[in-house]
Structure formats: structure tokens, C-alpha cells
C-alpha atoms as a PDB file:
ATOM      1  CA  MET A   1       0.138  15.726  26.298  1.00  0.00           C
ATOM      2  CA  PRO A   2       0.179  12.304  25.333  1.00  0.00           C
ATOM      3  CA  LYS A   3      -3.556  12.573  24.712  1.00  0.00           C
ATOM      4  CA  ARG A   4      -3.109  16.173  22.135  1.00  0.00           C
ATOM      5  CA  MET A   5      -0.432  13.709  20.565  1.00  0.00           C
ATOM      6  CA  LYS A   6      -3.488  10.919  19.873  1.00  0.00           C
ATOM      7  CA  ILE A   7      -6.156  13.000  18.595  1.00  0.00           C
ATOM      8  CA  GLY A   8      -3.298  14.644  16.071  1.00  0.00           C
ATOM      9  CA  ALA A   9      -3.013  11.314  14.736  1.00  0.00           C
ATOM     10  CA  ASN A  10      -5.836  10.275  14.674  1.00  0.00           C
ATOM     11  CA  MET A  11      -6.781  13.747  12.482  1.00  0.00           C
ATOM     12  CA  ILE A  12      -4.557  13.241  10.695  1.00  0.00           C
ATOM     13  CA  LYS A  13      -5.466   9.447   9.527  1.00  0.00           C
ATOM     14  CA  THR A  14      -8.882  11.116   9.268  1.00  0.00           C
ATOM     15  CA  VAL A  15      -8.269  13.569   6.536  1.00  0.00           C
ATOM     16  CA  ARG A  16      -6.072  10.952   4.685  1.00  0.00           C
ATOM     17  CA  ARG A  17      -9.151   8.852   4.641  1.00  0.00           C
ATOM     18  CA  ILE A  18     -11.048  12.051   3.347  1.00  0.00           C
ATOM     19  CA  THR A  19      -8.345  12.713   1.058  1.00  0.00           C
ATOM     20  CA  ALA A  20      -8.565   9.024  -0.476  1.00  0.00           C
ATOM     21  CA  ILE A  21     -12.585   9.323  -1.029  1.00  0.00           C
ATOM     22  CA  ALA A  22     -12.421  12.235  -2.584  1.00  0.00           C
ATOM     23  CA  LEU A  23      -9.158  11.244  -5.008  1.00  0.00           C
ATOM     24  CA  THR A  24     -11.176   8.209  -6.166  1.00  0.00           C
ATOM     25  CA  LEU A  25     -14.257  10.183  -6.716  1.00  0.00           C
ATOM     26  CA  ILE A  26     -12.723  12.598  -9.030  1.00  0.00           C
ATOM     27  CA  ALA A  27     -10.902   8.961 -10.349  1.00  0.00           C
ATOM     28  CA  ILE A  28     -14.634   7.820 -10.939  1.00  0.00           C
ATOM     29  CA  THR A  29     -15.613  11.160 -12.719  1.00  0.00           C
ATOM     30  CA  ALA A  30     -12.623  11.393 -14.808  1.00  0.00           C
ATOM     31  CA  GLY A  31     -13.921   7.840 -16.290  1.00  0.00           C
ATOM     32  CA  ILE A  32     -10.143   6.673 -15.207  1.00  0.00           C
ATOM     33  CA  ILE A  33     -11.655   3.780 -12.794  1.00  0.00           C
ATOM     34  CA  ALA A  34     -14.841   2.044 -12.898  1.00  0.00           C
ATOM     35  CA  PRO A  35     -16.216   2.317  -9.488  1.00  0.00           C
ATOM     36  CA  ALA A  36     -17.307  -1.830  -8.141  1.00  0.00           C
ATOM     37  CA  SER A  37     -20.873  -2.596  -8.799  1.00  0.00           C
ATOM     38  CA  ALA A  38     -22.289  -5.572  -7.735  1.00  0.00           C
ATOM     39  CA  ASN A  39     -22.170  -7.345 -11.477  1.00  0.00           C
ATOM     40  CA  SER A  40     -18.156  -6.722 -10.845  1.00  0.00           C
ATOM     41  CA  ALA A  41     -15.292  -7.791  -9.097  1.00  0.00           C
ATOM     42  CA  GLY A  42     -13.897  -4.635  -7.819  1.00  0.00           C
ATOM     43  CA  ALA A  43     -11.934  -2.881  -9.749  1.00  0.00           C
ATOM     44  CA  PHE A  44     -11.223  -4.942 -12.380  1.00  0.00           C
ATOM     45  CA  GLN A  45     -11.551  -3.130 -15.685  1.00  0.00           C
ATOM     46  CA  HIS A  46      -9.422  -2.681 -19.388  1.00  0.00           C
ATOM     47  CA  LEU A  47      -7.897  -0.141 -20.078  1.00  0.00           C
ATOM     48  CA  ARG A  48      -7.952   2.016 -23.795  1.00  0.00           C
ATOM     49  CA  ASN A  49      -6.263   5.026 -25.526  1.00  0.00           C
ATOM     50  CA  ARG A  50      -8.309   7.327 -26.191  1.00  0.00           C
ATOM     51  CA  GLY A  51      -5.668   8.025 -29.004  1.00  0.00           C
ATOM     52  CA  ASN A  52      -5.664   4.646 -31.243  1.00  0.00           C
ATOM     53  CA  ASP A  53      -8.450   3.049 -28.545  1.00  0.00           C
ATOM     54  CA  LEU A  54      -6.572  -0.023 -28.433  1.00  0.00           C
ATOM     55  CA  CYS A  55      -6.189  -1.606 -24.826  1.00  0.00           C
ATOM     56  CA  MET A  56      -3.107  -2.384 -22.603  1.00  0.00           C
ATOM     57  CA  ASP A  57      -2.458  -5.120 -22.553  1.00  0.00           C
ATOM     58  CA  ILE A  58       1.172  -7.931 -20.836  1.00  0.00           C
ATOM     59  CA  GLY A  59       2.736 -10.491 -23.678  1.00  0.00           C
ATOM     60  CA  SER A  60       4.257 -12.702 -21.088  1.00  0.00           C
ATOM     61  CA  VAL A  61       2.954 -12.741 -17.158  1.00  0.00           C
ATOM     62  CA  ALA A  62       7.065 -12.634 -16.208  1.00  0.00           C
ATOM     63  CA  VAL A  63       8.649  -9.846 -14.014  1.00  0.00           C
ATOM     64  CA  GLY A  64      10.344  -6.720 -16.280  1.00  0.00           C
ATOM     65  CA  THR A  65       7.748  -7.368 -18.889  1.00  0.00           C
ATOM     66  CA  PRO A  66       6.822  -4.360 -20.999  1.00  0.00           C
ATOM     67  CA  VAL A  67       3.397  -2.863 -21.219  1.00  0.00           C
ATOM     68  CA  GLY A  68       2.462  -2.671 -24.917  1.00  0.00           C
ATOM     69  CA  MET A  69      -0.997  -1.971 -26.746  1.00  0.00           C
ATOM     70  CA  HIS A  70      -3.204  -4.233 -28.647  1.00  0.00           C
ATOM     71  CA  ALA A  71      -6.317  -4.993 -29.976  1.00  0.00           C
ATOM     72  CA  CYS A  72      -9.769  -4.826 -27.182  1.00  0.00           C
ATOM     73  CA  ASN A  73     -10.744  -7.740 -26.020  1.00  0.00           C
ATOM     74  CA  TYR A  74     -13.576  -7.966 -24.038  1.00  0.00           C
ATOM     75  CA  ASN A  75     -15.301 -11.392 -23.754  1.00  0.00           C
ATOM     76  CA  GLY A  76     -13.802 -11.866 -21.100  1.00  0.00           C
ATOM     77  CA  SER A  77     -10.981 -14.746 -21.896  1.00  0.00           C
ATOM     78  CA  TYR A  78      -7.686 -12.227 -21.708  1.00  0.00           C
ATOM     79  CA  ALA A  79      -6.792 -11.668 -18.207  1.00  0.00           C
ATOM     80  CA  SER A  80      -3.865  -9.927 -19.703  1.00  0.00           C
ATOM     81  CA  GLN A  81      -5.814  -6.635 -20.521  1.00  0.00           C
ATOM     82  CA  VAL A  82      -7.481  -6.097 -17.618  1.00  0.00           C
ATOM     83  CA  TRP A  83      -6.249  -4.553 -14.414  1.00  0.00           C
ATOM     84  CA  PHE A  84      -6.837  -3.733 -10.784  1.00  0.00           C
ATOM     85  CA  PHE A  85      -6.913  -0.400  -9.210  1.00  0.00           C
ATOM     86  CA  GLN A  86      -6.289  -1.067  -5.774  1.00  0.00           C
ATOM     87  CA  TRP A  87      -5.679   3.074  -3.137  1.00  0.00           C
ATOM     88  CA  ASP A  88      -3.199   3.514  -0.977  1.00  0.00           C
ATOM     89  CA  PRO A  89      -4.299   6.775   0.987  1.00  0.00           C
ATOM     90  CA  VAL A  90      -0.437   6.714   2.904  1.00  0.00           C
ATOM     91  CA  ALA A  91       0.605   6.716  -1.052  1.00  0.00           C
ATOM     92  CA  SER A  92      -2.621   8.547  -2.564  1.00  0.00           C
ATOM     93  CA  GLY A  93      -1.970   6.861  -5.391  1.00  0.00           C
ATOM     94  CA  PHE A  94      -3.125   3.724  -6.890  1.00  0.00           C
ATOM     95  CA  ASP A  95      -1.406   0.128  -7.228  1.00  0.00           C
ATOM     96  CA  ILE A  96      -2.318  -0.980 -10.836  1.00  0.00           C
ATOM     97  CA  THR A  97      -1.934  -4.818 -11.467  1.00  0.00           C
ATOM     98  CA  ASN A  98      -2.709  -7.148 -13.900  1.00  0.00           C
ATOM     99  CA  GLN A  99      -5.143  -9.489 -12.780  1.00  0.00           C
ATOM    100  CA  ALA A 100      -3.159 -12.786 -15.844  1.00  0.00           C
ATOM    101  CA  SER A 101      -0.041 -11.926 -14.049  1.00  0.00           C
ATOM    102  CA  GLY A 102      -0.554 -10.309  -9.912  1.00  0.00           C
ATOM    103  CA  LEU A 103       2.029  -7.640 -10.845  1.00  0.00           C
ATOM    104  CA  CYS A 104       2.003  -4.212 -10.654  1.00  0.00           C
ATOM    105  CA  MET A 105       2.903  -1.524 -13.533  1.00  0.00           C
ATOM    106  CA  ASP A 106       5.651   0.024 -12.704  1.00  0.00           C
ATOM    107  CA  VAL A 107       8.864   2.448 -13.901  1.00  0.00           C
ATOM    108  CA  ALA A 108      12.399   1.993 -13.218  1.00  0.00           C
ATOM    109  CA  SER A 109      13.536   5.136 -14.602  1.00  0.00           C
ATOM    110  CA  TYR A 110      11.299   8.755 -14.576  1.00  0.00           C
ATOM    111  CA  ALA A 111      13.719   9.736 -17.605  1.00  0.00           C
ATOM    112  CA  PRO A 112      11.296  10.597 -20.410  1.00  0.00           C
ATOM    113  CA  GLY A 113      10.177   7.450 -22.590  1.00  0.00           C
ATOM    114  CA  ALA A 114      11.271   4.991 -20.149  1.00  0.00           C
ATOM    115  CA  VAL A 115       8.725   1.637 -20.260  1.00  0.00           C
ATOM    116  CA  VAL A 116       6.301   0.933 -18.251  1.00  0.00           C
ATOM    117  CA  GLY A 117       6.581  -2.647 -17.056  1.00  0.00           C
ATOM    118  CA  MET A 118       4.970  -5.014 -14.732  1.00  0.00           C
ATOM    119  CA  ASN A 119       7.476  -5.787 -11.337  1.00  0.00           C
ATOM    120  CA  ASN A 120       6.334  -7.563  -8.123  1.00  0.00           C
ATOM    121  CA  CYS A 121       4.413  -5.547  -6.411  1.00  0.00           C
ATOM    122  CA  HIS A 122       4.814  -3.482  -3.609  1.00  0.00           C
ATOM    123  CA  TYR A 123       2.736  -2.477  -1.506  1.00  0.00           C
ATOM    124  CA  ALA A 124       4.326  -0.020   0.699  1.00  0.00           C
ATOM    125  CA  GLU A 125       3.982   3.459  -0.059  1.00  0.00           C
ATOM    126  CA  PHE A 126       7.774   4.293  -0.114  1.00  0.00           C
ATOM    127  CA  TYR A 127       7.438   2.650  -3.194  1.00  0.00           C
ATOM    128  CA  LEU A 128       6.122   5.588  -5.612  1.00  0.00           C
ATOM    129  CA  SER A 129       7.632   3.648  -8.342  1.00  0.00           C
ATOM    130  CA  GLN A 130       3.868   1.648  -8.400  1.00  0.00           C
ATOM    131  CA  LYS A 131       1.977   4.873  -7.482  1.00  0.00           C
ATOM    132  CA  TRP A 132      -0.197   6.397 -10.065  1.00  0.00           C
ATOM    133  CA  ILE A 133      -3.050   8.656  -9.488  1.00  0.00           C
ATOM    134  CA  SER A 134      -5.711  10.087 -12.306  1.00  0.00           C
ATOM    135  CA  ILE A 135      -5.357  14.061 -12.790  1.00  0.00           C
ATOM    136  CA  SER A 136      -7.337  16.488 -15.713  1.00  0.00           C
ATOM    137  CA  ASN A 137      -7.757  14.119 -19.303  1.00  0.00           C
ATOM    138  CA  SER A 138      -8.125  11.167 -17.629  1.00  0.00           C
ATOM    139  CA  ARG A 139      -4.006  11.096 -17.503  1.00  0.00           C
ATOM    140  CA  LEU A 140      -2.335   8.637 -15.317  1.00  0.00           C
ATOM    141  CA  GLN A 141       0.113  10.424 -13.518  1.00  0.00           C
ATOM    142  CA  SER A 142       4.010   8.947 -11.712  1.00  0.00           C
ATOM    143  CA  ARG A 143       3.198   9.323  -8.176  1.00  0.00           C
ATOM    144  CA  GLY A 144       7.053   8.889  -8.369  1.00  0.00           C
ATOM    145  CA  ASP A 145       7.751  12.110 -10.498  1.00  0.00           C
ATOM    146  CA  SER A 146       4.412  14.357 -10.715  1.00  0.00           C
ATOM    147  CA  THR A 147       5.782  15.841 -14.250  1.00  0.00           C
ATOM    148  CA  LYS A 148       5.766  12.725 -15.705  1.00  0.00           C
ATOM    149  CA  CYS A 149       2.851  10.459 -17.144  1.00  0.00           C
ATOM    150  CA  MET A 150       1.925   7.810 -19.527  1.00  0.00           C
ATOM    151  CA  ASP A 151       2.705   8.553 -22.574  1.00  0.00           C
ATOM    152  CA  LEU A 152       2.827   6.482 -25.819  1.00  0.00           C
ATOM    153  CA  GLY A 153       5.791   7.134 -28.779  1.00  0.00           C
ATOM    154  CA  SER A 154       3.639   5.579 -31.303  1.00  0.00           C
ATOM    155  CA  TYR A 155      -0.117   4.754 -32.040  1.00  0.00           C
ATOM    156  CA  ALA A 156       0.191   1.823 -33.484  1.00  0.00           C
ATOM    157  CA  SER A 157      -0.737  -2.209 -31.530  1.00  0.00           C
ATOM    158  CA  GLY A 158       2.272  -2.720 -29.642  1.00  0.00           C
ATOM    159  CA  THR A 159       3.499   0.029 -28.999  1.00  0.00           C
ATOM    160  CA  LYS A 160       5.597  -0.401 -25.568  1.00  0.00           C
ATOM    161  CA  VAL A 161       3.640   2.496 -22.383  1.00  0.00           C
ATOM    162  CA  THR A 162       6.576   4.785 -21.642  1.00  0.00           C
ATOM    163  CA  LEU A 163       6.206   7.549 -18.956  1.00  0.00           C
ATOM    164  CA  TYR A 164       6.501  11.091 -20.706  1.00  0.00           C
ATOM    165  CA  TRP A 165       6.427  14.920 -19.641  1.00  0.00           C
ATOM    166  CA  CYS A 166       2.545  15.123 -18.668  1.00  0.00           C
ATOM    167  CA  ASN A 167       0.885  17.726 -21.031  1.00  0.00           C
ATOM    168  CA  SER A 168      -2.490  19.011 -20.117  1.00  0.00           C
ATOM    169  CA  SER A 169      -3.955  19.931 -24.234  1.00  0.00           C
ATOM    170  CA  PRO A 170      -7.247  18.168 -24.618  1.00  0.00           C
ATOM    171  CA  GLY A 171      -5.694  17.397 -27.952  1.00  0.00           C
ATOM    172  CA  TYR A 172      -2.840  14.861 -26.495  1.00  0.00           C
ATOM    173  CA  LEU A 173      -5.329  11.500 -26.772  1.00  0.00           C
ATOM    174  CA  SER A 174      -1.710   9.658 -26.023  1.00  0.00           C
ATOM    175  CA  GLN A 175      -2.153  10.102 -22.752  1.00  0.00           C
ATOM    176  CA  GLN A 176      -5.711   9.600 -22.697  1.00  0.00           C
ATOM    177  CA  TRP A 177      -6.871   6.291 -21.100  1.00  0.00           C
ATOM    178  CA  LEU A 178     -10.041   5.121 -20.311  1.00  0.00           C
ATOM    179  CA  PRO A 179     -12.063   1.986 -18.811  1.00  0.00           C
END
């Protein structure tokens, strides 16, 4: 009997690895994350909204800082606009870490309009408030509430990134994110 349980555990690990690889490939194909190359630092990249062409940015490296939208700066000196996607195969979601602060995107609530902010990273599968997945039309969906996606209430510079009901319409640009 113990051998049978070990085979089951190994099979579960294999299925999780295959699922993680498949979801990562889907995210790359959808344009949410860029594959690492010899010239890049892993999966560090900007996150630009399709509706306003602004980039996610943080104004401070402090815990609790909201994620906002500002003009994109690709010259390398704006680490506050650079994000790292780390796949968690157990939670089947990405931790999204800011390069300047080392903090992770997090939500304190799943209520519509809840602000996406920065918090200490908890690389554990049960911290679903810090886990995100890429779904159709380049949307970033919360793993804590699969009905909510990152959204903008306005296209103005300085607008905070919030959670709102996922909208799969291709014309709903406030939920579409590009590297």
C-alpha cells in the first residue's frame, strides 16, 4: 500500500508541473508575460494597460502603497514600473513582485473596486490574495476570487489599479495588460 501512495504523490507532482508549464505557456502566448531571454533578467517587465497605454507604477516602496498608472519609462531607471512574475505551481498562480520595492501585488478585499496594493511577499499557496493568473484577452485574474480581475476605474494618469468583475469582452480595454 505505501508504494501505491508514493506513485499517487509522484503523479500529483507531475500533473502540477505539467499544469504550471501549460499555464506559463498560455500566459506567454497571451502576451501577459514575456519569455526570459539571454538579454533579460528573468521575467522582469513593464505592465502596460491597453486602454490608456500607461504602465503600472508604485509611488513608494512602503507596504500598503497602491499600484497606480503613469507614463511608461523604458530607460531602465524606473524600477518602480518593473515587475517580476514568479509561478507558484501549488497555487497555480503568479506572485507579481515590484523590482524597486521587492513587495508583491496584494489585495486586502475582493470587493469590486478594492485597490491593488503592495505587501510583503508570502510565497505560500494559501496567500491567494497575492496570486494572479492570465486569462483570455490579456486579463489578470485574482486566484482569491476568480470573478475579479485587475481593472482601471479611469484612464487618467495616477489612476489606481483595482479589482472588478472580469469582463471577457475584447473591447473592455481597462482589464487588458501587455508587457
